[in-house]
Amino acid sequence: MRHHESHLDGGDGVDRRTLRPPRSERPTWVKRATTQDKIDSFWSGESFDLPESQELSYHLAVVLVRNLMSDYPRRVLDFLNSAEFSDAGNAALIDSCGISLVDLVGQFLGRGPWSPRTDYSDAEA
């Protein structure tokens, strides 16, 4: 690998320019986060504390924040200031950026059962 390409691939095969796994590995990523239970634990914050899902959760969070900063740089602060834990910030994202969490996650993982609930509580996290 040439030196100037090293920042594009952190050794995990993820293209840092698009923050997407290579096409050949995308099904693996999607399988690991496809179920409603798994994405629900991401939205509630629980997956960040579970050894089996921690790495994927942090990576997905980084991707989502980078994509938001890239696509909506002037609206992210409004979103962050108005986000509510109870719906994982979905209503605030719609109000601030005009997209839902389903849309945001779908940009990276493709279509799937990504909807957050509307009744999260601090006791779950």
Protein backbone atom coordinates (compact mmCIF):
# COMPACT_ATOMS: atom_id res chain seq x y z
CA MET A 1 0.00 0.00 0.00
CA ARG A 2 1.33 3.41 -0.88
CA HIS A 3 1.78 5.82 2.02
CA HIS A 4 -0.83 8.35 0.92
CA GLU A 5 -3.46 5.59 0.83
CA SER A 6 -2.86 4.45 4.41
CA HIS A 7 -5.28 7.02 5.86
CA LEU A 8 -8.00 5.70 3.59
CA ASP A 9 -7.91 2.18 4.95
CA GLY A 10 -7.40 1.73 8.67
CA GLY A 11 -6.63 -1.96 8.27
CA ASP A 12 -10.28 -2.94 8.58
CA GLY A 13 -11.05 -2.51 4.89
CA VAL A 14 -13.32 0.48 5.46
CA ASP A 15 -12.81 3.20 2.87
CA ARG A 16 -12.35 6.36 4.95
CA ARG A 17 -13.46 8.58 2.06
CA THR A 18 -16.95 7.10 2.02
CA LEU A 19 -16.96 5.37 5.42
CA ARG A 20 -18.42 2.30 3.84
CA PRO A 21 -17.10 -1.23 4.08
CA PRO A 22 -16.08 -2.79 0.77
CA ARG A 23 -19.02 -4.21 -1.18
CA SER A 24 -17.78 -7.74 -0.55
CA GLU A 25 -18.00 -7.17 3.23
CA ARG A 26 -21.18 -5.12 3.38
CA PRO A 27 -23.44 -8.15 3.88
CA THR A 28 -21.42 -9.06 6.99
CA TRP A 29 -21.87 -5.59 8.44
CA VAL A 30 -25.55 -5.58 7.61
CA LYS A 31 -26.07 -9.04 9.13
CA ARG A 32 -24.40 -7.94 12.36
CA ALA A 33 -26.75 -4.98 12.74
CA THR A 34 -29.87 -6.11 10.92
CA THR A 35 -32.21 -7.17 13.66
CA GLN A 36 -34.50 -4.70 15.37
CA ASP A 37 -33.13 -5.84 18.75
CA LYS A 38 -29.57 -4.94 17.78
CA ILE A 39 -30.38 -1.51 16.38
CA ASP A 40 -32.68 -0.89 19.32
CA SER A 41 -29.82 -1.52 21.74
CA PHE A 42 -27.75 0.95 19.69
CA TRP A 43 -30.45 3.64 19.94
CA SER A 44 -30.85 3.06 23.69
CA GLY A 45 -27.08 3.14 24.25
CA GLU A 46 -27.00 -0.35 25.72
CA SER A 47 -24.87 -1.77 22.89
CA PHE A 48 -21.98 0.54 23.80
CA ASP A 49 -21.55 -1.40 27.06
CA LEU A 50 -21.84 -4.91 25.60
CA PRO A 51 -18.52 -6.52 24.61
CA GLU A 52 -20.04 -8.28 21.59
CA SER A 53 -21.44 -5.07 20.09
CA GLN A 54 -19.28 -2.30 21.49
CA GLU A 55 -16.86 -1.97 18.56
CA LEU A 56 -19.62 -1.97 15.95
CA SER A 57 -21.64 0.55 17.98
CA TYR A 58 -18.78 3.01 18.28
CA HIS A 59 -17.93 2.62 14.61
CA LEU A 60 -21.54 3.19 13.56
CA ALA A 61 -21.75 6.25 15.83
CA VAL A 62 -18.59 7.71 14.26
CA VAL A 63 -19.96 7.12 10.77
CA LEU A 64 -23.29 8.74 11.62
CA VAL A 65 -21.68 11.81 13.18
CA ARG A 66 -19.23 12.23 10.30
CA ASN A 67 -22.02 11.91 7.77
CA LEU A 68 -24.12 14.47 9.64
CA MET A 69 -21.18 16.87 9.86
CA SER A 70 -20.52 16.44 6.16
CA ASP A 71 -24.12 16.75 4.97
CA TYR A 72 -25.53 19.22 7.54
CA PRO A 73 -22.62 21.16 9.05
CA ARG A 74 -24.74 24.19 9.99
CA ARG A 75 -27.62 22.17 11.43
CA VAL A 76 -25.80 19.64 13.62
CA LEU A 77 -25.59 21.95 16.62
CA ASP A 78 -29.36 22.55 16.53
CA PHE A 79 -29.89 18.80 16.31
CA LEU A 80 -27.58 18.07 19.25
CA ASN A 81 -29.11 20.79 21.42
CA SER A 82 -32.67 19.63 20.84
CA ALA A 83 -32.23 15.83 20.74
CA GLU A 84 -34.25 13.88 23.29
CA PHE A 85 -33.16 10.54 24.70
CA SER A 86 -36.73 9.20 24.62
CA ASP A 87 -36.71 8.89 20.82
CA ALA A 88 -32.92 8.62 20.31
CA GLY A 89 -32.98 12.12 18.82
CA ASN A 90 -35.17 11.17 15.86
CA ALA A 91 -37.64 14.08 16.11
CA ALA A 92 -34.80 16.57 16.55
CA LEU A 93 -33.01 15.18 13.49
CA ILE A 94 -36.17 15.48 11.41
CA ASP A 95 -36.76 19.05 12.64
CA SER A 96 -33.14 20.16 12.23
CA CYS A 97 -32.00 18.31 9.13
CA GLY A 98 -35.14 17.05 7.44
CA ILE A 99 -34.11 13.39 7.64
CA SER A 100 -34.89 10.62 10.10
CA LEU A 101 -32.54 8.27 11.89
CA VAL A 102 -33.80 5.55 9.52
CA ASP A 103 -32.63 7.68 6.58
CA LEU A 104 -29.30 8.45 8.23
CA VAL A 105 -28.50 4.84 9.11
CA GLY A 106 -29.83 3.67 5.78
CA GLN A 107 -27.18 5.75 4.00
CA PHE A 108 -24.58 3.46 5.52
CA LEU A 109 -26.29 0.12 6.12
CA GLY A 110 -28.91 0.22 3.38
CA ARG A 111 -32.61 -0.38 3.91
CA GLY A 112 -33.55 -2.20 7.05
CA PRO A 113 -35.47 -2.16 10.32
CA TRP A 114 -33.62 0.83 11.74
CA SER A 115 -36.48 2.74 13.42
CA PRO A 116 -35.91 3.88 16.98
CA ARG A 117 -38.65 3.54 19.56
CA THR A 118 -40.21 6.62 21.11
CA ASP A 119 -40.08 5.48 24.73
CA TYR A 120 -36.45 5.07 25.75
CA SER A 121 -35.61 5.89 29.36
CA ASP A 122 -32.36 6.56 31.21
CA ALA A 123 -32.85 3.29 33.11
CA GLU A 124 -32.17 1.32 29.90
CA ALA A 125 -28.82 2.89 29.10
